C-alpha atoms as a PDB file:
ATOM      1  CA  UNK A   1     123.125 115.340  69.943  1.00  0.00           C
ATOM      2  CA  UNK A   2     119.601 114.063  68.816  1.00  0.00           C
ATOM      3  CA  UNK A   3     117.058 115.811  66.729  1.00  0.00           C
ATOM      4  CA  UNK A   4     114.463 115.252  69.635  1.00  0.00           C
ATOM      5  CA  UNK A   5     116.979 116.299  72.360  1.00  0.00           C
ATOM      6  CA  UNK A   6     118.066 119.780  70.257  1.00  0.00           C
ATOM      7  CA  UNK A   7     114.101 120.620  70.237  1.00  0.00           C
ATOM      8  CA  UNK A   8     113.980 119.923  74.091  1.00  0.00           C
ATOM      9  CA  UNK A   9     117.134 122.296  74.553  1.00  0.00           C
ATOM     10  CA  UNK A  10     115.073 124.919  72.299  1.00  0.00           C
ATOM     11  CA  UNK A  11     112.255 124.708  73.924  1.00  0.00           C
ATOM     12  CA  UNK A  12     113.868 125.198  77.220  1.00  0.00           C
ATOM     13  CA  UNK A  13     115.617 128.133  76.330  1.00  0.00           C
ATOM     14  CA  UNK A  14     111.970 129.923  75.606  1.00  0.00           C
ATOM     15  CA  UNK A  15     110.399 128.407  78.370  1.00  0.00           C
ATOM     16  CA  UNK A  16     110.065 131.427  80.992  1.00  0.00           C
ATOM     17  CA  UNK A  17     107.876 132.834  78.391  1.00  0.00           C
ATOM     18  CA  UNK A  18     105.990 130.075  77.212  1.00  0.00           C
ATOM     19  CA  UNK A  19     104.927 129.273  80.664  1.00  0.00           C
ATOM     20  CA  UNK A  20     103.556 132.669  81.390  1.00  0.00           C
ATOM     21  CA  UNK A  21     101.629 132.617  78.279  1.00  0.00           C
ATOM     22  CA  UNK A  22      99.749 129.589  79.290  1.00  0.00           C
ATOM     23  CA  UNK A  23      99.238 131.075  82.539  1.00  0.00           C
ATOM     24  CA  UNK A  24      97.328 133.458  80.572  1.00  0.00           C
ATOM     25  CA  UNK A  25      95.809 131.225  78.281  1.00  0.00           C
ATOM     26  CA  UNK A  26      94.702 128.728  81.249  1.00  0.00           C
ATOM     27  CA  UNK A  27      93.550 131.580  83.754  1.00  0.00           C
ATOM     28  CA  UNK A  28      90.096 132.852  83.977  1.00  0.00           C
ATOM     29  CA  UNK A  29      89.346 134.330  80.680  1.00  0.00           C
ATOM     30  CA  UNK A  30      90.170 138.102  79.686  1.00  0.00           C
ATOM     31  CA  UNK A  31      90.446 140.176  76.601  1.00  0.00           C
ATOM     32  CA  UNK A  32      93.365 139.535  74.181  1.00  0.00           C
ATOM     33  CA  UNK A  33      93.066 135.636  74.928  1.00  0.00           C
ATOM     34  CA  UNK A  34      93.498 134.924  71.265  1.00  0.00           C
ATOM     35  CA  UNK A  35      96.445 137.145  71.267  1.00  0.00           C
ATOM     36  CA  UNK A  36      98.228 135.513  73.988  1.00  0.00           C
ATOM     37  CA  UNK A  37      97.478 131.912  72.370  1.00  0.00           C
ATOM     38  CA  UNK A  38      98.908 133.051  68.722  1.00  0.00           C
ATOM     39  CA  UNK A  39     102.118 134.194  70.400  1.00  0.00           C
ATOM     40  CA  UNK A  40     102.712 131.043  72.047  1.00  0.00           C
ATOM     41  CA  UNK A  41     101.987 129.124  68.955  1.00  0.00           C
ATOM     42  CA  UNK A  42     104.410 131.198  67.028  1.00  0.00           C
ATOM     43  CA  UNK A  43     107.079 130.280  70.009  1.00  0.00           C
ATOM     44  CA  UNK A  44     106.597 126.538  69.723  1.00  0.00           C
ATOM     45  CA  UNK A  45     105.900 125.823  66.081  1.00  0.00           C
ATOM     46  CA  UNK A  46     109.538 125.013  65.082  1.00  0.00           C
ATOM     47  CA  UNK A  47     109.919 122.279  68.306  1.00  0.00           C
ATOM     48  CA  UNK A  48     106.631 120.909  68.609  1.00  0.00           C
ATOM     49  CA  UNK A  49     104.251 121.457  65.818  1.00  0.00           C
ATOM     50  CA  UNK A  50     101.509 119.228  67.241  1.00  0.00           C
ATOM     51  CA  UNK A  51     101.388 121.599  70.276  1.00  0.00           C
ATOM     52  CA  UNK A  52     101.483 124.667  67.747  1.00  0.00           C
ATOM     53  CA  UNK A  53      98.693 123.422  65.683  1.00  0.00           C
ATOM     54  CA  UNK A  54      96.373 122.728  69.261  1.00  0.00           C
ATOM     55  CA  UNK A  55      96.833 126.324  70.333  1.00  0.00           C
ATOM     56  CA  UNK A  56      95.813 127.202  66.888  1.00  0.00           C
ATOM     57  CA  UNK A  57      92.749 125.537  67.390  1.00  0.00           C
ATOM     58  CA  UNK A  58      92.322 127.118  70.962  1.00  0.00           C
ATOM     59  CA  UNK A  59      92.995 130.726  69.453  1.00  0.00           C
ATOM     60  CA  UNK A  60      90.310 130.146  66.392  1.00  0.00           C
ATOM     61  CA  UNK A  61      87.804 129.317  69.176  1.00  0.00           C
ATOM     62  CA  UNK A  62      88.591 132.509  71.502  1.00  0.00           C
ATOM     63  CA  UNK A  63      88.937 134.867  68.389  1.00  0.00           C
ATOM     64  CA  UNK A  64      85.539 133.624  67.479  1.00  0.00           C
ATOM     65  CA  UNK A  65      83.798 133.339  70.613  1.00  0.00           C
ATOM     66  CA  UNK A  66      83.036 136.710  72.972  1.00  0.00           C
ATOM     67  CA  UNK A  67      84.911 136.768  76.841  1.00  0.00           C
ATOM     68  CA  UNK A  68      81.240 136.279  78.417  1.00  0.00           C
ATOM     69  CA  UNK A  69      80.772 133.085  76.414  1.00  0.00           C
ATOM     70  CA  UNK A  70      84.652 132.019  76.494  1.00  0.00           C
ATOM     71  CA  UNK A  71      84.375 132.391  80.450  1.00  0.00           C
ATOM     72  CA  UNK A  72      80.719 130.600  80.641  1.00  0.00           C
ATOM     73  CA  UNK A  73      82.770 127.722  78.440  1.00  0.00           C
ATOM     74  CA  UNK A  74      86.097 128.207  81.141  1.00  0.00           C
ATOM     75  CA  UNK A  75      83.769 127.438  84.266  1.00  0.00           C
ATOM     76  CA  UNK A  76      82.213 124.509  82.360  1.00  0.00           C
ATOM     77  CA  UNK A  77      85.072 122.834  81.661  1.00  0.00           C
ATOM     78  CA  UNK A  78      87.020 123.786  84.518  1.00  0.00           C
ATOM     79  CA  UNK A  79      84.430 124.354  87.435  1.00  0.00           C
ATOM     80  CA  UNK A  80      81.338 121.902  86.329  1.00  0.00           C
ATOM     81  CA  UNK A  81      83.794 118.767  85.488  1.00  0.00           C
ATOM     82  CA  UNK A  82      85.523 117.275  88.178  1.00  0.00           C
ATOM     83  CA  UNK A  83      88.159 115.629  85.881  1.00  0.00           C
ATOM     84  CA  UNK A  84      89.480 118.956  85.236  1.00  0.00           C
ATOM     85  CA  UNK A  85      89.379 120.903  88.331  1.00  0.00           C
ATOM     86  CA  UNK A  86      92.474 123.531  87.945  1.00  0.00           C
ATOM     87  CA  UNK A  87      94.035 122.727  90.967  1.00  0.00           C
ATOM     88  CA  UNK A  88      97.268 120.643  90.592  1.00  0.00           C
ATOM     89  CA  UNK A  89      96.879 119.428  94.148  1.00  0.00           C
ATOM     90  CA  UNK A  90      93.720 118.312  94.074  1.00  0.00           C
ATOM     91  CA  UNK A  91      94.605 116.162  90.823  1.00  0.00           C
ATOM     92  CA  UNK A  92      97.579 114.358  92.524  1.00  0.00           C
ATOM     93  CA  UNK A  93      95.832 113.533  95.627  1.00  0.00           C
ATOM     94  CA  UNK A  94      92.266 114.592  95.971  1.00  0.00           C
ATOM     95  CA  UNK A  95      91.016 116.426  98.925  1.00  0.00           C
ATOM     96  CA  UNK A  96      93.669 114.744 101.974  1.00  0.00           C
ATOM     97  CA  UNK A  97      96.392 115.425 104.226  1.00  0.00           C
ATOM     98  CA  UNK A  98      98.476 115.207 101.536  1.00  0.00           C
ATOM     99  CA  UNK A  99      97.161 118.129  99.326  1.00  0.00           C
ATOM    100  CA  UNK A 100      97.720 120.112 102.465  1.00  0.00           C
ATOM    101  CA  UNK A 101     100.835 119.802 102.986  1.00  0.00           C
ATOM    102  CA  UNK A 102     101.584 120.531  99.043  1.00  0.00           C
ATOM    103  CA  UNK A 103      99.872 123.777  99.792  1.00  0.00           C
ATOM    104  CA  UNK A 104     101.823 124.865 102.674  1.00  0.00           C
ATOM    105  CA  UNK A 105     105.024 123.889 101.005  1.00  0.00           C
ATOM    106  CA  UNK A 106     103.928 125.915  97.348  1.00  0.00           C
ATOM    107  CA  UNK A 107     103.274 128.612 100.133  1.00  0.00           C
ATOM    108  CA  UNK A 108     106.443 128.625 101.335  1.00  0.00           C
ATOM    109  CA  UNK A 109     107.977 128.351  98.019  1.00  0.00           C
ATOM    110  CA  UNK A 110     106.170 131.208  97.057  1.00  0.00           C
ATOM    111  CA  UNK A 111     107.123 133.359 100.313  1.00  0.00           C
ATOM    112  CA  UNK A 112     110.788 132.371  99.559  1.00  0.00           C
ATOM    113  CA  UNK A 113     111.542 133.643  96.146  1.00  0.00           C
ATOM    114  CA  UNK A 114     109.269 136.502  96.459  1.00  0.00           C
ATOM    115  CA  UNK A 115     106.409 135.726  94.423  1.00  0.00           C
ATOM    116  CA  UNK A 116     103.262 136.933  94.927  1.00  0.00           C
ATOM    117  CA  UNK A 117      99.795 135.636  94.038  1.00  0.00           C
ATOM    118  CA  UNK A 118      96.500 136.632  94.264  1.00  0.00           C
ATOM    119  CA  UNK A 119      95.372 136.386  98.109  1.00  0.00           C
ATOM    120  CA  UNK A 120      91.822 135.323  96.696  1.00  0.00           C
ATOM    121  CA  UNK A 121      93.078 132.439  95.173  1.00  0.00           C
ATOM    122  CA  UNK A 122      94.657 128.885  96.442  1.00  0.00           C
ATOM    123  CA  UNK A 123      98.354 128.605  95.423  1.00  0.00           C
ATOM    124  CA  UNK A 124      97.994 125.323  93.684  1.00  0.00           C
ATOM    125  CA  UNK A 125      96.113 126.731  90.944  1.00  0.00           C
ATOM    126  CA  UNK A 126      96.993 125.790  87.641  1.00  0.00           C
ATOM    127  CA  UNK A 127      97.352 129.261  86.529  1.00  0.00           C
ATOM    128  CA  UNK A 128      99.699 130.406  89.635  1.00  0.00           C
ATOM    129  CA  UNK A 129     102.115 127.295  89.648  1.00  0.00           C
ATOM    130  CA  UNK A 130     102.563 128.460  85.893  1.00  0.00           C
ATOM    131  CA  UNK A 131     103.026 131.417  86.514  1.00  0.00           C
ATOM    132  CA  UNK A 132     105.853 131.263  89.531  1.00  0.00           C
ATOM    133  CA  UNK A 133     107.583 128.550  87.182  1.00  0.00           C
ATOM    134  CA  UNK A 134     107.892 131.159  84.583  1.00  0.00           C
ATOM    135  CA  UNK A 135     109.243 133.361  87.294  1.00  0.00           C
ATOM    136  CA  UNK A 136     111.928 131.205  88.948  1.00  0.00           C
ATOM    137  CA  UNK A 137     113.909 128.320  87.859  1.00  0.00           C
ATOM    138  CA  UNK A 138     116.475 125.400  89.758  1.00  0.00           C
ATOM    139  CA  UNK A 139     115.905 122.329  91.039  1.00  0.00           C
ATOM    140  CA  UNK A 140     113.090 122.639  92.814  1.00  0.00           C
ATOM    141  CA  UNK A 141     111.025 124.185  90.062  1.00  0.00           C
ATOM    142  CA  UNK A 142     111.982 121.692  87.433  1.00  0.00           C
ATOM    143  CA  UNK A 143     110.648 119.055  90.003  1.00  0.00           C
ATOM    144  CA  UNK A 144     107.275 120.745  90.456  1.00  0.00           C
ATOM    145  CA  UNK A 145     106.762 120.497  86.785  1.00  0.00           C
ATOM    146  CA  UNK A 146     108.385 117.140  86.005  1.00  0.00           C
ATOM    147  CA  UNK A 147     106.440 115.522  89.113  1.00  0.00           C
ATOM    148  CA  UNK A 148     103.532 117.559  90.253  1.00  0.00           C
ATOM    149  CA  UNK A 149     102.199 119.694  86.980  1.00  0.00           C
ATOM    150  CA  UNK A 150     102.581 117.255  84.365  1.00  0.00           C
ATOM    151  CA  UNK A 151     101.228 114.074  85.797  1.00  0.00           C
ATOM    152  CA  UNK A 152      98.278 116.486  86.893  1.00  0.00           C
ATOM    153  CA  UNK A 153      98.008 117.594  83.273  1.00  0.00           C
ATOM    154  CA  UNK A 154      97.796 113.862  82.305  1.00  0.00           C
ATOM    155  CA  UNK A 155      95.268 113.074  84.637  1.00  0.00           C
ATOM    156  CA  UNK A 156      93.440 115.763  83.213  1.00  0.00           C
ATOM    157  CA  UNK A 157      93.666 114.783  79.827  1.00  0.00           C
ATOM    158  CA  UNK A 158      93.201 111.344  79.881  1.00  0.00           C
ATOM    159  CA  UNK A 159      90.415 108.995  80.326  1.00  0.00           C
ATOM    160  CA  UNK A 160      90.796 107.331  83.867  1.00  0.00           C
ATOM    161  CA  UNK A 161      91.234 103.943  83.826  1.00  0.00           C
ATOM    162  CA  UNK A 162      88.684 102.635  86.694  1.00  0.00           C
ATOM    163  CA  UNK A 163      85.591 104.117  87.841  1.00  0.00           C
ATOM    164  CA  UNK A 164      87.329 104.152  91.353  1.00  0.00           C
ATOM    165  CA  UNK A 165      88.754 107.915  92.416  1.00  0.00           C
ATOM    166  CA  UNK A 166      91.185 109.447  90.022  1.00  0.00           C
ATOM    167  CA  UNK A 167      93.005 110.694  92.717  1.00  0.00           C
ATOM    168  CA  UNK A 168      93.324 107.411  94.671  1.00  0.00           C
ATOM    169  CA  UNK A 169      97.776 106.318  93.803  1.00  0.00           C
ATOM    170  CA  UNK A 170      99.221 109.401  93.447  1.00  0.00           C
ATOM    171  CA  UNK A 171     102.639 110.378  95.053  1.00  0.00           C
ATOM    172  CA  UNK A 172     105.277 112.827  94.728  1.00  0.00           C
ATOM    173  CA  UNK A 173     108.986 112.561  95.521  1.00  0.00           C
ATOM    174  CA  UNK A 174     111.233 113.935  98.213  1.00  0.00           C
ATOM    175  CA  UNK A 175     112.846 116.159  95.537  1.00  0.00           C
ATOM    176  CA  UNK A 176     110.344 118.230  94.901  1.00  0.00           C
ATOM    177  CA  UNK A 177     110.579 120.144  98.035  1.00  0.00           C
ATOM    178  CA  UNK A 178     107.425 118.751  99.501  1.00  0.00           C
ATOM    179  CA  UNK A 179     107.941 116.951 102.925  1.00  0.00           C
ATOM    180  CA  UNK A 180     106.808 113.112 103.078  1.00  0.00           C
ATOM    181  CA  UNK A 181     104.914 112.554 106.411  1.00  0.00           C
ATOM    182  CA  UNK A 182     106.709 109.344 108.183  1.00  0.00           C
ATOM    183  CA  UNK A 183     103.627 108.762 110.727  1.00  0.00           C
ATOM    184  CA  UNK A 184     105.981 106.448 112.561  1.00  0.00           C
ATOM    185  CA  UNK A 185     107.909 108.989 113.969  1.00  0.00           C
ATOM    186  CA  UNK A 186     106.514 111.219 116.857  1.00  0.00           C
ATOM    187  CA  UNK A 187     108.643 114.633 115.989  1.00  0.00           C
ATOM    188  CA  UNK A 188     107.124 114.476 112.294  1.00  0.00           C
ATOM    189  CA  UNK A 189     103.555 113.437 113.452  1.00  0.00           C
ATOM    190  CA  UNK A 190     103.228 116.976 115.056  1.00  0.00           C
ATOM    191  CA  UNK A 191     104.856 118.662 112.042  1.00  0.00           C
ATOM    192  CA  UNK A 192     102.358 117.266 110.358  1.00  0.00           C
ATOM    193  CA  UNK A 193      99.452 118.408 112.399  1.00  0.00           C
ATOM    194  CA  UNK A 194     101.404 121.684 112.347  1.00  0.00           C
ATOM    195  CA  UNK A 195     101.318 122.016 108.519  1.00  0.00           C
ATOM    196  CA  UNK A 196      97.814 120.753 108.562  1.00  0.00           C
ATOM    197  CA  UNK A 197      96.856 123.430 110.539  1.00  0.00           C
ATOM    198  CA  UNK A 198      98.473 126.268 108.307  1.00  0.00           C
ATOM    199  CA  UNK A 199      96.923 124.993 105.432  1.00  0.00           C
ATOM    200  CA  UNK A 200      93.478 125.248 107.057  1.00  0.00           C
ATOM    201  CA  UNK A 201      94.279 128.537 107.621  1.00  0.00           C
ATOM    202  CA  UNK A 202      95.560 128.990 104.276  1.00  0.00           C
ATOM    203  CA  UNK A 203      92.299 127.375 102.701  1.00  0.00           C
ATOM    204  CA  UNK A 204      89.953 129.290 104.931  1.00  0.00           C
ATOM    205  CA  UNK A 205      91.379 132.327 102.997  1.00  0.00           C
ATOM    206  CA  UNK A 206      92.141 133.959 106.014  1.00  0.00           C
ATOM    207  CA  UNK A 207      88.677 134.420 106.771  1.00  0.00           C
ATOM    208  CA  UNK A 208      87.850 135.197 110.784  1.00  0.00           C
ATOM    209  CA  UNK A 209      84.197 135.634 110.452  1.00  0.00           C
ATOM    210  CA  UNK A 210      83.200 132.681 109.123  1.00  0.00           C
ATOM    211  CA  UNK A 211      82.856 133.994 105.171  1.00  0.00           C
ATOM    212  CA  UNK A 212      82.507 132.329 102.580  1.00  0.00           C
ATOM    213  CA  UNK A 213      84.998 133.569  99.783  1.00  0.00           C
ATOM    214  CA  UNK A 214      83.894 132.958  95.921  1.00  0.00           C
ATOM    215  CA  UNK A 215      86.854 131.321  94.027  1.00  0.00           C
ATOM    216  CA  UNK A 216      87.638 133.321  90.819  1.00  0.00           C
ATOM    217  CA  UNK A 217      86.249 131.420  87.646  1.00  0.00           C
ATOM    218  CA  UNK A 218      83.465 129.550  89.873  1.00  0.00           C
ATOM    219  CA  UNK A 219      80.303 131.255  88.338  1.00  0.00           C
ATOM    220  CA  UNK A 220      78.176 128.481  89.026  1.00  0.00           C
ATOM    221  CA  UNK A 221      78.394 128.339  92.804  1.00  0.00           C
ATOM    222  CA  UNK A 222      81.419 126.073  93.992  1.00  0.00           C
ATOM    223  CA  UNK A 223      83.112 127.851  96.871  1.00  0.00           C
ATOM    224  CA  UNK A 224      85.678 127.149  99.770  1.00  0.00           C
ATOM    225  CA  UNK A 225      84.450 126.335 103.267  1.00  0.00           C
ATOM    226  CA  UNK A 226      86.149 125.142 106.054  1.00  0.00           C
ATOM    227  CA  UNK A 227      89.391 123.786 103.414  1.00  0.00           C
ATOM    228  CA  UNK A 228      87.456 121.899 101.165  1.00  0.00           C
ATOM    229  CA  UNK A 229      85.926 122.462  97.932  1.00  0.00           C
ATOM    230  CA  UNK A 230      82.459 121.899  97.773  1.00  0.00           C
ATOM    231  CA  UNK A 231      81.057 119.318  95.318  1.00  0.00           C
ATOM    232  CA  UNK A 232      78.775 120.867  92.861  1.00  0.00           C
ATOM    233  CA  UNK A 233      75.043 119.358  92.990  1.00  0.00           C
ATOM    234  CA  UNK A 234      75.421 118.422  89.683  1.00  0.00           C
ATOM    235  CA  UNK A 235      78.537 116.691  87.891  1.00  0.00           C
ATOM    236  CA  UNK A 236      79.151 118.108  84.287  1.00  0.00           C
ATOM    237  CA  UNK A 237      79.770 115.031  82.133  1.00  0.00           C
ATOM    238  CA  UNK A 238      81.880 115.104  78.933  1.00  0.00           C
ATOM    239  CA  UNK A 239      82.318 112.100  76.441  1.00  0.00           C
ATOM    240  CA  UNK A 240      85.844 111.496  76.257  1.00  0.00           C
ATOM    241  CA  UNK A 241      85.459 112.341  71.880  1.00  0.00           C
ATOM    242  CA  UNK A 242      83.935 115.973  73.104  1.00  0.00           C
ATOM    243  CA  UNK A 243      86.565 116.272  75.635  1.00  0.00           C
ATOM    244  CA  UNK A 244      89.585 116.019  73.127  1.00  0.00           C
ATOM    245  CA  UNK A 245      88.086 118.310  71.270  1.00  0.00           C
ATOM    246  CA  UNK A 246      87.246 120.976  73.652  1.00  0.00           C
ATOM    247  CA  UNK A 247      89.630 124.184  73.407  1.00  0.00           C
ATOM    248  CA  UNK A 248      90.675 123.911  76.927  1.00  0.00           C
ATOM    249  CA  UNK A 249      91.385 120.323  76.595  1.00  0.00           C
ATOM    250  CA  UNK A 250      93.325 121.448  73.447  1.00  0.00           C
ATOM    251  CA  UNK A 251      95.348 124.079  75.195  1.00  0.00           C
ATOM    252  CA  UNK A 252      95.848 121.782  78.447  1.00  0.00           C
ATOM    253  CA  UNK A 253      96.952 118.983  76.145  1.00  0.00           C
ATOM    254  CA  UNK A 254      99.550 121.171  74.249  1.00  0.00           C
ATOM    255  CA  UNK A 255     100.857 122.097  77.548  1.00  0.00           C
ATOM    256  CA  UNK A 256     101.611 118.869  78.467  1.00  0.00           C
ATOM    257  CA  UNK A 257     102.903 118.006  74.848  1.00  0.00           C
ATOM    258  CA  UNK A 258     105.553 120.773  75.578  1.00  0.00           C
ATOM    259  CA  UNK A 259     106.431 119.714  79.152  1.00  0.00           C
ATOM    260  CA  UNK A 260     106.841 115.994  77.873  1.00  0.00           C
ATOM    261  CA  UNK A 261     109.405 117.680  75.034  1.00  0.00           C
ATOM    262  CA  UNK A 262     111.480 119.203  77.519  1.00  0.00           C
ATOM    263  CA  UNK A 263     110.734 122.150  79.647  1.00  0.00           C
ATOM    264  CA  UNK A 264     112.840 121.703  82.409  1.00  0.00           C
ATOM    265  CA  UNK A 265     116.661 120.936  82.511  1.00  0.00           C
ATOM    266  CA  UNK A 266     115.814 117.294  83.731  1.00  0.00           C
ATOM    267  CA  UNK A 267     113.032 116.575  80.682  1.00  0.00           C
ATOM    268  CA  UNK A 268     115.701 117.760  78.132  1.00  0.00           C
ATOM    269  CA  UNK A 269     118.178 115.049  79.450  1.00  0.00           C
ATOM    270  CA  UNK A 270     115.509 112.773  79.619  1.00  0.00           C
ATOM    271  CA  UNK A 271     114.451 113.081  75.800  1.00  0.00           C
ATOM    272  CA  UNK A 272     116.539 111.066  74.282  1.00  0.00           C
ATOM    273  CA  UNK A 273     115.073 108.090  76.464  1.00  0.00           C
ATOM    274  CA  UNK A 274     111.803 108.784  75.070  1.00  0.00           C
ATOM    275  CA  UNK A 275     112.900 109.165  71.548  1.00  0.00           C
ATOM    276  CA  UNK A 276     113.998 105.414  71.854  1.00  0.00           C
ATOM    277  CA  UNK A 277     110.647 104.369  73.141  1.00  0.00           C
ATOM    278  CA  UNK A 278     108.624 106.447  70.751  1.00  0.00           C
ATOM    279  CA  UNK A 279     110.668 104.801  68.193  1.00  0.00           C
ATOM    280  CA  UNK A 280     109.798 101.147  68.977  1.00  0.00           C
ATOM    281  CA  UNK A 281     106.456 102.120  69.698  1.00  0.00           C
ATOM    282  CA  UNK A 282     106.128 104.009  66.083  1.00  0.00           C
ATOM    283  CA  UNK A 283     107.536 100.788  64.719  1.00  0.00           C
ATOM    284  CA  UNK A 284     105.972  97.985  66.541  1.00  0.00           C
ATOM    285  CA  UNK A 285     102.413  99.762  65.425  1.00  0.00           C
ATOM    286  CA  UNK A 286     103.443 101.090  62.019  1.00  0.00           C
ATOM    287  CA  UNK A 287     102.356 104.813  63.569  1.00  0.00           C
ATOM    288  CA  UNK A 288     103.288 107.690  61.037  1.00  0.00           C
ATOM    289  CA  UNK A 289     105.970 110.771  62.525  1.00  0.00           C
ATOM    290  CA  UNK A 290     102.563 112.790  63.367  1.00  0.00           C
ATOM    291  CA  UNK A 291     101.105 110.225  65.187  1.00  0.00           C
ATOM    292  CA  UNK A 292     100.211 111.594  68.796  1.00  0.00           C
ATOM    293  CA  UNK A 293     102.168 109.265  71.341  1.00  0.00           C
ATOM    294  CA  UNK A 294     102.723 109.958  75.123  1.00  0.00           C
ATOM    295  CA  UNK A 295     105.494 108.906  77.030  1.00  0.00           C
ATOM    296  CA  UNK A 296     105.638 109.530  80.517  1.00  0.00           C
ATOM    297  CA  UNK A 297     106.945 108.264  84.087  1.00  0.00           C
ATOM    298  CA  UNK A 298     104.718 107.881  86.578  1.00  0.00           C
ATOM    299  CA  UNK A 299     104.478 106.435  90.395  1.00  0.00           C
ATOM    300  CA  UNK A 300     103.410 103.062  90.262  1.00  0.00           C
ATOM    301  CA  UNK A 301     100.364 101.959  91.745  1.00  0.00           C
ATOM    302  CA  UNK A 302     100.295  98.063  91.820  1.00  0.00           C
ATOM    303  CA  UNK A 303     101.825  96.250  94.862  1.00  0.00           C
ATOM    304  CA  UNK A 304     105.173  95.017  94.446  1.00  0.00           C
ATOM    305  CA  UNK A 305     105.922  97.015  91.231  1.00  0.00           C
ATOM    306  CA  UNK A 306     109.224  99.552  91.406  1.00  0.00           C
ATOM    307  CA  UNK A 307     108.649 103.182  92.386  1.00  0.00           C
ATOM    308  CA  UNK A 308     107.947 104.038  89.088  1.00  0.00           C
ATOM    309  CA  UNK A 309     106.636 102.839  85.803  1.00  0.00           C
ATOM    310  CA  UNK A 310     106.803 103.773  82.194  1.00  0.00           C
ATOM    311  CA  UNK A 311     103.428 104.803  80.300  1.00  0.00           C
ATOM    312  CA  UNK A 312     102.616 104.735  76.698  1.00  0.00           C
ATOM    313  CA  UNK A 313      99.609 106.418  75.139  1.00  0.00           C
ATOM    314  CA  UNK A 314      98.680 106.677  71.563  1.00  0.00           C
ATOM    315  CA  UNK A 315      95.720 106.594  69.181  1.00  0.00           C
ATOM    316  CA  UNK A 316      94.660 104.264  66.638  1.00  0.00           C
ATOM    317  CA  UNK A 317      91.356 103.922  64.386  1.00  0.00           C
ATOM    318  CA  UNK A 318      90.681 100.906  66.879  1.00  0.00           C
ATOM    319  CA  UNK A 319      90.542 103.649  69.811  1.00  0.00           C
ATOM    320  CA  UNK A 320      93.214 104.955  72.538  1.00  0.00           C
ATOM    321  CA  UNK A 321      95.961 102.714  73.369  1.00  0.00           C
ATOM    322  CA  UNK A 322      97.312 102.637  76.661  1.00  0.00           C
ATOM    323  CA  UNK A 323     100.437 100.520  77.883  1.00  0.00           C
ATOM    324  CA  UNK A 324     102.796 100.447  80.621  1.00  0.00           C
ATOM    325  CA  UNK A 325     106.033  98.752  81.866  1.00  0.00           C
ATOM    326  CA  UNK A 326     106.914  98.101  85.219  1.00  0.00           C
ATOM    327  CA  UNK A 327     110.101 100.135  84.676  1.00  0.00           C
ATOM    328  CA  UNK A 328     111.666 103.645  84.692  1.00  0.00           C
ATOM    329  CA  UNK A 329     111.978 104.940  81.511  1.00  0.00           C
ATOM    330  CA  UNK A 330     115.690 104.336  81.128  1.00  0.00           C
ATOM    331  CA  UNK A 331     115.426 100.791  82.053  1.00  0.00           C
ATOM    332  CA  UNK A 332     112.641 100.279  79.164  1.00  0.00           C
ATOM    333  CA  UNK A 333     114.174  97.991  76.333  1.00  0.00           C
ATOM    334  CA  UNK A 334     112.468  97.101  72.921  1.00  0.00           C
ATOM    335  CA  UNK A 335     111.857  93.616  73.925  1.00  0.00           C
ATOM    336  CA  UNK A 336     109.246  95.003  76.812  1.00  0.00           C
ATOM    337  CA  UNK A 337     107.299  96.091  73.768  1.00  0.00           C
ATOM    338  CA  UNK A 338     106.850  92.907  71.667  1.00  0.00           C
ATOM    339  CA  UNK A 339     104.031  91.707  74.053  1.00  0.00           C
ATOM    340  CA  UNK A 340     101.924  94.450  73.228  1.00  0.00           C
ATOM    341  CA  UNK A 341      98.873  93.887  71.254  1.00  0.00           C
ATOM    342  CA  UNK A 342      96.968  97.305  69.923  1.00  0.00           C
END
């Protein structure tokens, strides 16, 4: 067994505790946050030292910052910065019917497992999804992490490739438990409408009197009304270099690294494939062992390409490098990297 696969298995054995700690770290700040970050860093240090270092940096910031100020920082990063709204479905789909279906299916999964979440919150909030995944396991939860949470984190922690809407091409495979809408089927069209009605009730917060319910963490007034996130009147713009050093970006990046490492059984099985591409990338660009390299498999957004493509992202003195191969991760070969230019 490769070193990388062994690390993934060790990490998977601590999965529930690590995810539960991240649910606290990425929730609206409460006293004791630095202790949660420190405990999480200690759990992952042996298998993902880079993630541990990011968590230690977050811990240091939380320790030096009062809870009130930390709550302002949280709201500024997540609520005023549209790139980082802390809602998995929003990151994947934006505000459209696919997110509505995603929310309905999440709610069904929560109900079926007996998981109880804050009724005042939308079920795809990052901290709620993490807490649900910490308390449950199985293929559906693995799929939610691999094809829901991880792509959402990658969108939140990497710079968009274009100036267009960041949610335009995201999709999720059927094995997530989220039913796709096939609009050419009359019965499924009816089912979709029913799901949309249920989602609207869910998003309305079950308010029968047209009340406007304030979301937890929305200290600047971003509220839910009629099932849609109201845009802030002034978007909080964070430069890419500043974003990467922001404490909450560091926490998100640590979670992304850990999910890539092997927080699910499927990830642990695939980590050997990732190791191959990591090794080829390091050799091709003369990168050190401690260099940050992100290898991920995402839905393909270009016409005529396979359903999924492999993305490789890393940073050099010249800046961020992003390459993609129009093949699933398992099919990528060393020759696919030869034409890359840093």
